[in-house]
Amino acid sequence: MTKARLDEDRLIAEHVDASWGRSQARLRASGVPVWSLVGYLRAYDGDAEPVRRAFELSPEELAAALAYYRRNRRYVDAFLLLNSSD
Protein backbone atom coordinates (compact mmCIF):
# COMPACT_ATOMS: atom_id res chain seq x y z
CA MET A 1 0.00 0.00 0.00
CA THR A 2 1.27 3.47 -0.83
CA LYS A 3 1.94 6.19 1.72
CA ALA A 4 -0.74 8.37 0.12
CA ARG A 5 -3.30 5.58 0.53
CA LEU A 6 -2.31 5.12 4.18
CA ASP A 7 -2.59 8.86 4.78
CA GLU A 8 -6.07 8.86 3.26
CA ASP A 9 -7.05 5.84 5.36
CA ARG A 10 -5.96 7.71 8.49
CA LEU A 11 -7.81 10.89 7.53
CA ILE A 12 -11.01 9.04 6.76
CA ALA A 13 -10.86 6.98 9.97
CA GLU A 14 -10.18 10.07 12.05
CA HIS A 15 -12.66 12.51 10.50
CA VAL A 16 -15.45 10.65 8.68
CA ASP A 17 -18.37 8.78 10.23
CA ALA A 18 -19.71 6.37 7.61
CA SER A 19 -22.19 4.69 9.95
CA TRP A 20 -24.92 6.69 8.20
CA GLY A 21 -24.31 4.73 4.99
CA ARG A 22 -21.95 5.32 2.09
CA SER A 23 -23.97 8.15 0.56
CA GLN A 24 -24.70 9.76 3.93
CA ALA A 25 -21.26 9.80 5.57
CA ARG A 26 -20.57 12.88 7.69
CA LEU A 27 -17.63 14.63 9.22
CA ARG A 28 -17.37 13.62 12.86
CA ALA A 29 -16.71 17.00 14.45
CA SER A 30 -19.21 19.12 12.52
CA GLY A 31 -21.75 16.59 11.27
CA VAL A 32 -21.51 18.05 7.75
CA PRO A 33 -22.44 15.40 5.17
CA VAL A 34 -19.83 14.62 2.52
CA TRP A 35 -22.52 14.99 -0.16
CA SER A 36 -23.12 18.57 0.95
CA LEU A 37 -19.45 19.45 0.59
CA VAL A 38 -19.35 17.86 -2.86
CA GLY A 39 -22.40 19.86 -3.92
CA TYR A 40 -20.82 23.10 -2.74
CA LEU A 41 -17.54 22.22 -4.44
CA ARG A 42 -19.43 21.83 -7.70
CA ALA A 43 -21.09 25.20 -7.20
CA TYR A 44 -17.65 26.75 -6.65
CA ASP A 45 -16.18 24.99 -9.71
CA GLY A 46 -13.97 22.80 -7.52
CA ASP A 47 -12.45 25.67 -5.53
CA ALA A 48 -12.12 24.07 -2.10
CA GLU A 49 -10.99 27.08 -0.07
CA PRO A 50 -14.31 28.99 -0.03
CA VAL A 51 -16.11 25.74 0.81
CA ARG A 52 -13.69 25.00 3.64
CA ARG A 53 -14.16 28.49 5.06
CA ALA A 54 -17.96 28.44 4.67
CA PHE A 55 -18.21 25.23 6.69
CA GLU A 56 -15.41 26.26 9.09
CA LEU A 57 -13.45 23.07 8.42
CA SER A 58 -9.80 22.36 8.97
CA PRO A 59 -7.74 21.47 5.90
CA GLU A 60 -7.54 17.90 7.25
CA GLU A 61 -11.31 17.60 7.58
CA LEU A 62 -11.85 18.73 4.00
CA ALA A 63 -9.08 16.41 2.79
CA ALA A 64 -10.75 13.52 4.64
CA ALA A 65 -14.13 14.29 3.08
CA LEU A 66 -12.63 14.46 -0.39
CA ALA A 67 -10.70 11.22 0.13
CA TYR A 68 -13.91 9.55 1.26
CA TYR A 69 -15.72 10.93 -1.77
CA ARG A 70 -13.06 9.61 -4.17
CA ARG A 71 -13.56 6.14 -2.74
CA ASN A 72 -17.35 6.30 -2.65
CA ARG A 73 -18.08 8.55 -5.62
CA ARG A 74 -20.83 6.43 -7.14
CA TYR A 75 -22.86 6.38 -3.92
CA VAL A 76 -22.49 10.09 -3.20
CA ASP A 77 -23.12 11.05 -6.83
CA ALA A 78 -26.22 8.82 -6.93
CA PHE A 79 -27.55 10.52 -3.80
CA LEU A 80 -26.94 13.96 -5.29
CA LEU A 81 -28.61 12.98 -8.55
CA LEU A 82 -31.65 11.49 -6.84
CA ASN A 83 -32.03 14.59 -4.69
CA SER A 84 -31.38 17.26 -7.31
CA SER A 85 -34.10 19.64 -8.35
CA ASP A 86 -33.06 19.59 -12.02
PDB file of N, CA and C in Angstrom:
ATOM      1  N   MET A   1       0.839  -1.180   0.000  1.00  0.00           N
ATOM      2  CA  MET A   1       0.000   0.000   0.000  1.00  0.00           C
ATOM      3  C   MET A   1       0.886   1.245   0.000  1.00  0.00           C
ATOM      4  N   THR A   2       0.470   2.246  -0.734  1.00  0.00           N
ATOM      5  CA  THR A   2       1.266   3.473  -0.834  1.00  0.00           C
ATOM      6  C   THR A   2       1.078   4.354   0.397  1.00  0.00           C
ATOM      7  N   LYS A   3       2.025   5.252   0.601  1.00  0.00           N
ATOM      8  CA  LYS A   3       1.940   6.190   1.717  1.00  0.00           C
ATOM      9  C   LYS A   3       0.710   7.083   1.578  1.00  0.00           C
ATOM     10  N   ALA A   4       0.430   7.516   0.360  1.00  0.00           N
ATOM     11  CA  ALA A   4      -0.739   8.367   0.124  1.00  0.00           C
ATOM     12  C   ALA A   4      -2.025   7.645   0.521  1.00  0.00           C
ATOM     13  N   ARG A   5      -2.107   6.374   0.178  1.00  0.00           N
ATOM     14  CA  ARG A   5      -3.298   5.577   0.530  1.00  0.00           C
ATOM     15  C   ARG A   5      -3.411   5.441   2.048  1.00  0.00           C
ATOM     16  N   LEU A   6      -2.293   5.214   2.714  1.00  0.00           N
ATOM     17  CA  LEU A   6      -2.305   5.117   4.179  1.00  0.00           C
ATOM     18  C   LEU A   6      -2.695   6.438   4.824  1.00  0.00           C
ATOM     19  N   ASP A   7      -2.212   7.537   4.265  1.00  0.00           N
ATOM     20  CA  ASP A   7      -2.585   8.857   4.779  1.00  0.00           C
ATOM     21  C   ASP A   7      -4.085   9.086   4.619  1.00  0.00           C
ATOM     22  N   GLU A   8      -4.631   8.725   3.473  1.00  0.00           N
ATOM     23  CA  GLU A   8      -6.070   8.864   3.261  1.00  0.00           C
ATOM     24  C   GLU A   8      -6.854   7.970   4.215  1.00  0.00           C
ATOM     25  N   ASP A   9      -6.387   6.745   4.416  1.00  0.00           N
ATOM     26  CA  ASP A   9      -7.048   5.837   5.363  1.00  0.00           C
ATOM     27  C   ASP A   9      -7.117   6.475   6.746  1.00  0.00           C
ATOM     28  N   ARG A  10      -6.014   7.076   7.181  1.00  0.00           N
ATOM     29  CA  ARG A  10      -5.956   7.710   8.495  1.00  0.00           C
ATOM     30  C   ARG A  10      -6.918   8.892   8.564  1.00  0.00           C
ATOM     31  N   LEU A  11      -6.917   9.736   7.548  1.00  0.00           N
ATOM     32  CA  LEU A  11      -7.807  10.893   7.529  1.00  0.00           C
ATOM     33  C   LEU A  11      -9.276  10.472   7.588  1.00  0.00           C
ATOM     34  N   ILE A  12      -9.625   9.503   6.785  1.00  0.00           N
ATOM     35  CA  ILE A  12     -11.013   9.037   6.763  1.00  0.00           C
ATOM     36  C   ILE A  12     -11.397   8.456   8.115  1.00  0.00           C
ATOM     37  N   ALA A  13     -10.557   7.601   8.674  1.00  0.00           N
ATOM     38  CA  ALA A  13     -10.855   6.983   9.969  1.00  0.00           C
ATOM     39  C   ALA A  13     -11.000   8.021  11.074  1.00  0.00           C
ATOM     40  N   GLU A  14     -10.185   9.040  11.009  1.00  0.00           N
ATOM     41  CA  GLU A  14     -10.180  10.072  12.048  1.00  0.00           C
ATOM     42  C   GLU A  14     -11.344  11.050  11.918  1.00  0.00           C
ATOM     43  N   HIS A  15     -11.727  11.392  10.700  1.00  0.00           N
ATOM     44  CA  HIS A  15     -12.660  12.508  10.501  1.00  0.00           C
ATOM     45  C   HIS A  15     -14.032  12.156   9.929  1.00  0.00           C
ATOM     46  N   VAL A  16     -14.197  10.964   9.362  1.00  0.00           N
ATOM     47  CA  VAL A  16     -15.453  10.650   8.677  1.00  0.00           C
ATOM     48  C   VAL A  16     -16.208   9.537   9.410  1.00  0.00           C
ATOM     49  N   ASP A  17     -17.478   9.777   9.631  1.00  0.00           N
ATOM     50  CA  ASP A  17     -18.371   8.785  10.225  1.00  0.00           C
ATOM     51  C   ASP A  17     -19.244   8.225   9.111  1.00  0.00           C
ATOM     52  N   ALA A  18     -18.966   6.996   8.710  1.00  0.00           N
ATOM     53  CA  ALA A  18     -19.706   6.374   7.614  1.00  0.00           C
ATOM     54  C   ALA A  18     -20.836   5.483   8.120  1.00  0.00           C
ATOM     55  N   SER A  19     -21.130   5.537   9.404  1.00  0.00           N
ATOM     56  CA  SER A  19     -22.189   4.687   9.951  1.00  0.00           C
ATOM     57  C   SER A  19     -23.571   5.075   9.421  1.00  0.00           C
ATOM     58  N   TRP A  20     -23.670   6.224   8.783  1.00  0.00           N
ATOM     59  CA  TRP A  20     -24.924   6.686   8.197  1.00  0.00           C
ATOM     60  C   TRP A  20     -25.191   6.029   6.850  1.00  0.00           C
ATOM     61  N   GLY A  21     -24.226   5.318   6.315  1.00  0.00           N
ATOM     62  CA  GLY A  21     -24.311   4.726   4.985  1.00  0.00           C
ATOM     63  C   GLY A  21     -23.343   5.437   4.055  1.00  0.00           C
ATOM     64  N   ARG A  22     -22.966   4.777   2.990  1.00  0.00           N
ATOM     65  CA  ARG A  22     -21.946   5.320   2.092  1.00  0.00           C
ATOM     66  C   ARG A  22     -22.318   6.674   1.506  1.00  0.00           C
ATOM     67  N   SER A  23     -23.567   6.878   1.168  1.00  0.00           N
ATOM     68  CA  SER A  23     -23.965   8.150   0.565  1.00  0.00           C
ATOM     69  C   SER A  23     -24.234   9.225   1.614  1.00  0.00           C
ATOM     70  N   GLN A  24     -24.319   8.834   2.867  1.00  0.00           N
ATOM     71  CA  GLN A  24     -24.703   9.764   3.934  1.00  0.00           C
ATOM     72  C   GLN A  24     -23.589  10.024   4.945  1.00  0.00           C
ATOM     73  N   ALA A  25     -22.373   9.612   4.644  1.00  0.00           N
ATOM     74  CA  ALA A  25     -21.257   9.800   5.572  1.00  0.00           C
ATOM     75  C   ALA A  25     -21.116  11.271   5.942  1.00  0.00           C
ATOM     76  N   ARG A  26     -20.686  11.511   7.170  1.00  0.00           N
ATOM     77  CA  ARG A  26     -20.574  12.875   7.690  1.00  0.00           C
ATOM     78  C   ARG A  26     -19.230  13.079   8.371  1.00  0.00           C
ATOM     79  N   LEU A  27     -18.818  14.308   8.442  1.00  0.00           N
ATOM     80  CA  LEU A  27     -17.626  14.635   9.218  1.00  0.00           C
ATOM     81  C   LEU A  27     -17.974  14.515  10.694  1.00  0.00           C
ATOM     82  N   ARG A  28     -17.100  13.892  11.445  1.00  0.00           N
ATOM     83  CA  ARG A  28     -17.372  13.616  12.860  1.00  0.00           C
ATOM     84  C   ARG A  28     -17.576  14.886  13.682  1.00  0.00           C
ATOM     85  N   ALA A  29     -16.682  15.827  13.574  1.00  0.00           N
ATOM     86  CA  ALA A  29     -16.709  17.003  14.450  1.00  0.00           C
ATOM     87  C   ALA A  29     -17.884  17.930  14.149  1.00  0.00           C
ATOM     88  N   SER A  30     -18.190  18.133  12.896  1.00  0.00           N
ATOM     89  CA  SER A  30     -19.210  19.117  12.519  1.00  0.00           C
ATOM     90  C   SER A  30     -20.544  18.496  12.132  1.00  0.00           C
ATOM     91  N   GLY A  31     -20.529  17.229  11.746  1.00  0.00           N
ATOM     92  CA  GLY A  31     -21.753  16.587  11.271  1.00  0.00           C
ATOM     93  C   GLY A  31     -22.115  16.930   9.838  1.00  0.00           C
ATOM     94  N   VAL A  32     -21.239  17.655   9.140  1.00  0.00           N
ATOM     95  CA  VAL A  32     -21.513  18.048   7.754  1.00  0.00           C
ATOM     96  C   VAL A  32     -21.428  16.812   6.857  1.00  0.00           C
ATOM     97  N   PRO A  33     -22.479  16.544   6.075  1.00  0.00           N
ATOM     98  CA  PRO A  33     -22.439  15.403   5.166  1.00  0.00           C
ATOM     99  C   PRO A  33     -21.434  15.627   4.023  1.00  0.00           C
ATOM    100  N   VAL A  34     -20.778  14.561   3.639  1.00  0.00           N
ATOM    101  CA  VAL A  34     -19.831  14.623   2.521  1.00  0.00           C
ATOM    102  C   VAL A  34     -20.556  15.084   1.259  1.00  0.00           C
ATOM    103  N   TRP A  35     -21.782  14.602   1.042  1.00  0.00           N
ATOM    104  CA  TRP A  35     -22.522  14.991  -0.165  1.00  0.00           C
ATOM    105  C   TRP A  35     -22.729  16.500  -0.228  1.00  0.00           C
ATOM    106  N   SER A  36     -22.926  17.122   0.921  1.00  0.00           N
ATOM    107  CA  SER A  36     -23.124  18.565   0.950  1.00  0.00           C
ATOM    108  C   SER A  36     -21.859  19.299   0.510  1.00  0.00           C
ATOM    109  N   LEU A  37     -20.724  18.841   0.990  1.00  0.00           N
ATOM    110  CA  LEU A  37     -19.454  19.447   0.590  1.00  0.00           C
ATOM    111  C   LEU A  37     -19.214  19.284  -0.897  1.00  0.00           C
ATOM    112  N   VAL A  38     -19.529  18.114  -1.417  1.00  0.00           N
ATOM    113  CA  VAL A  38     -19.349  17.857  -2.856  1.00  0.00           C
ATOM    114  C   VAL A  38     -20.252  18.784  -3.664  1.00  0.00           C
ATOM    115  N   GLY A  39     -21.487  18.955  -3.229  1.00  0.00           N
ATOM    116  CA  GLY A  39     -22.400  19.855  -3.920  1.00  0.00           C
ATOM    117  C   GLY A  39     -21.894  21.286  -3.931  1.00  0.00           C
ATOM    118  N   TYR A  40     -21.378  21.749  -2.798  1.00  0.00           N
ATOM    119  CA  TYR A  40     -20.822  23.103  -2.739  1.00  0.00           C
ATOM    120  C   TYR A  40     -19.572  23.223  -3.599  1.00  0.00           C
ATOM    121  N   LEU A  41     -18.740  22.193  -3.595  1.00  0.00           N
ATOM    122  CA  LEU A  41     -17.544  22.224  -4.443  1.00  0.00           C
ATOM    123  C   LEU A  41     -17.927  22.373  -5.912  1.00  0.00           C
ATOM    124  N   ARG A  42     -18.968  21.706  -6.308  1.00  0.00           N
ATOM    125  CA  ARG A  42     -19.429  21.828  -7.699  1.00  0.00           C
ATOM    126  C   ARG A  42     -19.906  23.244  -7.980  1.00  0.00           C
ATOM    127  N   ALA A  43     -20.600  23.825  -7.027  1.00  0.00           N
ATOM    128  CA  ALA A  43     -21.093  25.196  -7.203  1.00  0.00           C
ATOM    129  C   ALA A  43     -19.945  26.194  -7.289  1.00  0.00           C
ATOM    130  N   TYR A  44     -18.834  25.886  -6.626  1.00  0.00           N
ATOM    131  CA  TYR A  44     -17.652  26.754  -6.650  1.00  0.00           C
ATOM    132  C   TYR A  44     -16.622  26.277  -7.669  1.00  0.00           C
ATOM    133  N   ASP A  45     -17.058  25.500  -8.646  1.00  0.00           N
ATOM    134  CA  ASP A  45     -16.176  24.993  -9.709  1.00  0.00           C
ATOM    135  C   ASP A  45     -14.926  24.313  -9.171  1.00  0.00           C
ATOM    136  N   GLY A  46     -15.080  23.574  -8.080  1.00  0.00           N
ATOM    137  CA  GLY A  46     -13.974  22.801  -7.523  1.00  0.00           C
ATOM    138  C   GLY A  46     -13.036  23.585  -6.635  1.00  0.00           C
ATOM    139  N   ASP A  47     -13.307  24.855  -6.392  1.00  0.00           N
ATOM    140  CA  ASP A  47     -12.447  25.670  -5.527  1.00  0.00           C
ATOM    141  C   ASP A  47     -12.762  25.336  -4.069  1.00  0.00           C
ATOM    142  N   ALA A  48     -11.869  24.600  -3.434  1.00  0.00           N
ATOM    143  CA  ALA A  48     -12.117  24.066  -2.097  1.00  0.00           C
ATOM    144  C   ALA A  48     -12.022  25.107  -0.991  1.00  0.00           C
ATOM    145  N   GLU A  49     -11.228  26.124  -1.161  1.00  0.00           N
ATOM    146  CA  GLU A  49     -10.991  27.079  -0.073  1.00  0.00           C
ATOM    147  C   GLU A  49     -12.259  27.800   0.386  1.00  0.00           C
ATOM    148  N   PRO A  50     -13.084  28.345  -0.518  1.00  0.00           N
ATOM    149  CA  PRO A  50     -14.311  28.987  -0.031  1.00  0.00           C
ATOM    150  C   PRO A  50     -15.262  28.001   0.655  1.00  0.00           C
ATOM    151  N   VAL A  51     -15.268  26.774   0.187  1.00  0.00           N
ATOM    152  CA  VAL A  51     -16.114  25.744   0.809  1.00  0.00           C
ATOM    153  C   VAL A  51     -15.596  25.433   2.210  1.00  0.00           C
ATOM    154  N   ARG A  52     -14.291  25.283   2.338  1.00  0.00           N
ATOM    155  CA  ARG A  52     -13.687  25.004   3.643  1.00  0.00           C
ATOM    156  C   ARG A  52     -14.002  26.120   4.630  1.00  0.00           C
ATOM    157  N   ARG A  53     -13.879  27.348   4.183  1.00  0.00           N
ATOM    158  CA  ARG A  53     -14.164  28.495   5.056  1.00  0.00           C
ATOM    159  C   ARG A  53     -15.644  28.574   5.419  1.00  0.00           C
ATOM    160  N   ALA A  54     -16.511  28.347   4.441  1.00  0.00           N
ATOM    161  CA  ALA A  54     -17.956  28.441   4.675  1.00  0.00           C
ATOM    162  C   ALA A  54     -18.428  27.444   5.733  1.00  0.00           C
ATOM    163  N   PHE A  55     -17.823  26.270   5.734  1.00  0.00           N
ATOM    164  CA  PHE A  55     -18.205  25.234   6.693  1.00  0.00           C
ATOM    165  C   PHE A  55     -17.311  25.219   7.934  1.00  0.00           C
ATOM    166  N   GLU A  56     -16.348  26.143   7.968  1.00  0.00           N
ATOM    167  CA  GLU A  56     -15.409  26.260   9.091  1.00  0.00           C
ATOM    168  C   GLU A  56     -14.712  24.927   9.382  1.00  0.00           C
ATOM    169  N   LEU A  57     -14.140  24.348   8.323  1.00  0.00           N
ATOM    170  CA  LEU A  57     -13.449  23.070   8.417  1.00  0.00           C
ATOM    171  C   LEU A  57     -11.951  23.273   8.424  1.00  0.00           C
ATOM    172  N   SER A  58     -11.255  22.362   9.062  1.00  0.00           N
ATOM    173  CA  SER A  58      -9.799  22.361   8.972  1.00  0.00           C
ATOM    174  C   SER A  58      -9.409  21.789   7.610  1.00  0.00           C
ATOM    175  N   PRO A  59      -8.198  22.083   7.152  1.00  0.00           N
ATOM    176  CA  PRO A  59      -7.743  21.473   5.898  1.00  0.00           C
ATOM    177  C   PRO A  59      -7.798  19.947   5.950  1.00  0.00           C
ATOM    178  N   GLU A  60      -7.492  19.360   7.118  1.00  0.00           N
ATOM    179  CA  GLU A  60      -7.541  17.901   7.252  1.00  0.00           C
ATOM    180  C   GLU A  60      -8.954  17.367   7.115  1.00  0.00           C
ATOM    181  N   GLU A  61      -9.920  18.064   7.688  1.00  0.00           N
ATOM    182  CA  GLU A  61     -11.306  17.604   7.581  1.00  0.00           C
ATOM    183  C   GLU A  61     -11.763  17.604   6.129  1.00  0.00           C
ATOM    184  N   LEU A  62     -11.457  18.672   5.411  1.00  0.00           N
ATOM    185  CA  LEU A  62     -11.851  18.726   4.005  1.00  0.00           C
ATOM    186  C   LEU A  62     -11.116  17.650   3.205  1.00  0.00           C
ATOM    187  N   ALA A  63      -9.845  17.457   3.478  1.00  0.00           N
ATOM    188  CA  ALA A  63      -9.082  16.410   2.792  1.00  0.00           C
ATOM    189  C   ALA A  63      -9.683  15.038   3.065  1.00  0.00           C
ATOM    190  N   ALA A  64     -10.125  14.802   4.286  1.00  0.00           N
ATOM    191  CA  ALA A  64     -10.748  13.521   4.643  1.00  0.00           C
ATOM    192  C   ALA A  64     -12.049  13.328   3.873  1.00  0.00           C
ATOM    193  N   ALA A  65     -12.867  14.381   3.810  1.00  0.00           N
ATOM    194  CA  ALA A  65     -14.134  14.285   3.084  1.00  0.00           C
ATOM    195  C   ALA A  65     -13.895  14.010   1.603  1.00  0.00           C
ATOM    196  N   LEU A  66     -12.913  14.668   1.031  1.00  0.00           N
ATOM    197  CA  LEU A  66     -12.625  14.463  -0.393  1.00  0.00           C
ATOM    198  C   LEU A  66     -12.041  13.078  -0.653  1.00  0.00           C
ATOM    199  N   ALA A  67     -11.228  12.583   0.262  1.00  0.00           N
ATOM    200  CA  ALA A  67     -10.696  11.220   0.129  1.00  0.00           C
ATOM    201  C   ALA A  67     -11.841  10.208   0.207  1.00  0.00           C
ATOM    202  N   TYR A  68     -12.750  10.428   1.150  1.00  0.00           N
ATOM    203  CA  TYR A  68     -13.913   9.551   1.264  1.00  0.00           C
ATOM    204  C   TYR A  68     -14.735   9.592  -0.019  1.00  0.00           C
ATOM    205  N   TYR A  69     -14.947  10.781  -0.532  1.00  0.00           N
ATOM    206  CA  TYR A  69     -15.722  10.928  -1.769  1.00  0.00           C
ATOM    207  C   TYR A  69     -15.056  10.178  -2.930  1.00  0.00           C
ATOM    208  N   ARG A  70     -13.758  10.313  -3.080  1.00  0.00           N
ATOM    209  CA  ARG A  70     -13.064   9.613  -4.174  1.00  0.00           C
ATOM    210  C   ARG A  70     -13.295   8.112  -4.102  1.00  0.00           C
ATOM    211  N   ARG A  71     -13.374   7.586  -2.907  1.00  0.00           N
ATOM    212  CA  ARG A  71     -13.558   6.140  -2.737  1.00  0.00           C
ATOM    213  C   ARG A  71     -15.021   5.707  -2.837  1.00  0.00           C
ATOM    214  N   ASN A  72     -15.921   6.635  -2.678  1.00  0.00           N
ATOM    215  CA  ASN A  72     -17.349   6.304  -2.654  1.00  0.00           C
ATOM    216  C   ASN A  72     -18.150   7.183  -3.610  1.00  0.00           C
ATOM    217  N   ARG A  73     -17.507   7.603  -4.661  1.00  0.00           N
ATOM    218  CA  ARG A  73     -18.081   8.555  -5.615  1.00  0.00           C
ATOM    219  C   ARG A  73     -19.443   8.108  -6.145  1.00  0.00           C
ATOM    220  N   ARG A  74     -19.561   6.859  -6.514  1.00  0.00           N
ATOM    221  CA  ARG A  74     -20.825   6.433  -7.138  1.00  0.00           C
ATOM    222  C   ARG A  74     -22.004   6.544  -6.184  1.00  0.00           C
ATOM    223  N   TYR A  75     -21.771   6.294  -4.897  1.00  0.00           N
ATOM    224  CA  TYR A  75     -22.858   6.383  -3.918  1.00  0.00           C
ATOM    225  C   TYR A  75     -23.241   7.842  -3.642  1.00  0.00           C
ATOM    226  N   VAL A  76     -22.246   8.674  -3.474  1.00  0.00           N
ATOM    227  CA  VAL A  76     -22.493  10.094  -3.202  1.00  0.00           C
ATOM    228  C   VAL A  76     -23.115  10.754  -4.429  1.00  0.00           C
ATOM    229  N   ASP A  77     -22.569  10.473  -5.601  1.00  0.00           N
ATOM    230  CA  ASP A  77     -23.120  11.054  -6.830  1.00  0.00           C
ATOM    231  C   ASP A  77     -24.560  10.593  -7.060  1.00  0.00           C
ATOM    232  N   ALA A  78     -24.854   9.328  -6.767  1.00  0.00           N
ATOM    233  CA  ALA A  78     -26.222   8.820  -6.927  1.00  0.00           C
ATOM    234  C   ALA A  78     -27.163   9.554  -5.979  1.00  0.00           C
ATOM    235  N   PHE A  79     -26.729   9.780  -4.755  1.00  0.00           N
ATOM    236  CA  PHE A  79     -27.553  10.520  -3.799  1.00  0.00           C
ATOM    237  C   PHE A  79     -27.822  11.933  -4.308  1.00  0.00           C
ATOM    238  N   LEU A  80     -26.778  12.599  -4.774  1.00  0.00           N
ATOM    239  CA  LEU A  80     -26.943  13.959  -5.285  1.00  0.00           C
ATOM    240  C   LEU A  80     -27.886  13.988  -6.492  1.00  0.00           C
ATOM    241  N   LEU A  81     -27.752  13.033  -7.378  1.00  0.00           N
ATOM    242  CA  LEU A  81     -28.606  12.975  -8.551  1.00  0.00           C
ATOM    243  C   LEU A  81     -30.064  12.735  -8.163  1.00  0.00           C
ATOM    244  N   LEU A  82     -30.289  11.795  -7.265  1.00  0.00           N
ATOM    245  CA  LEU A  82     -31.646  11.491  -6.842  1.00  0.00           C
ATOM    246  C   LEU A  82     -32.309  12.623  -6.075  1.00  0.00           C
ATOM    247  N   ASN A  83     -31.501  13.500  -5.499  1.00  0.00           N
ATOM    248  CA  ASN A  83     -32.035  14.587  -4.692  1.00  0.00           C
ATOM    249  C   ASN A  83     -31.869  15.957  -5.344  1.00  0.00           C
ATOM    250  N   SER A  84     -31.542  15.964  -6.619  1.00  0.00           N
ATOM    251  CA  SER A  84     -31.381  17.257  -7.310  1.00  0.00           C
ATOM    252  C   SER A  84     -32.745  17.762  -7.758  1.00  0.00           C
ATOM    253  N   SER A  85     -32.826  19.044  -7.915  1.00  0.00           N
ATOM    254  CA  SER A  85     -34.101  19.640  -8.345  1.00  0.00           C
ATOM    255  C   SER A  85     -34.148  19.860  -9.857  1.00  0.00           C
ATOM    256  N   ASP A  86     -33.105  19.429 -10.550  1.00  0.00           N
ATOM    257  CA  ASP A  86     -33.061  19.595 -12.016  1.00  0.00           C
ATOM    258  C   ASP A  86     -33.976  18.606 -12.704  1.00  0.00           C
TER     259      ASP A  86
END
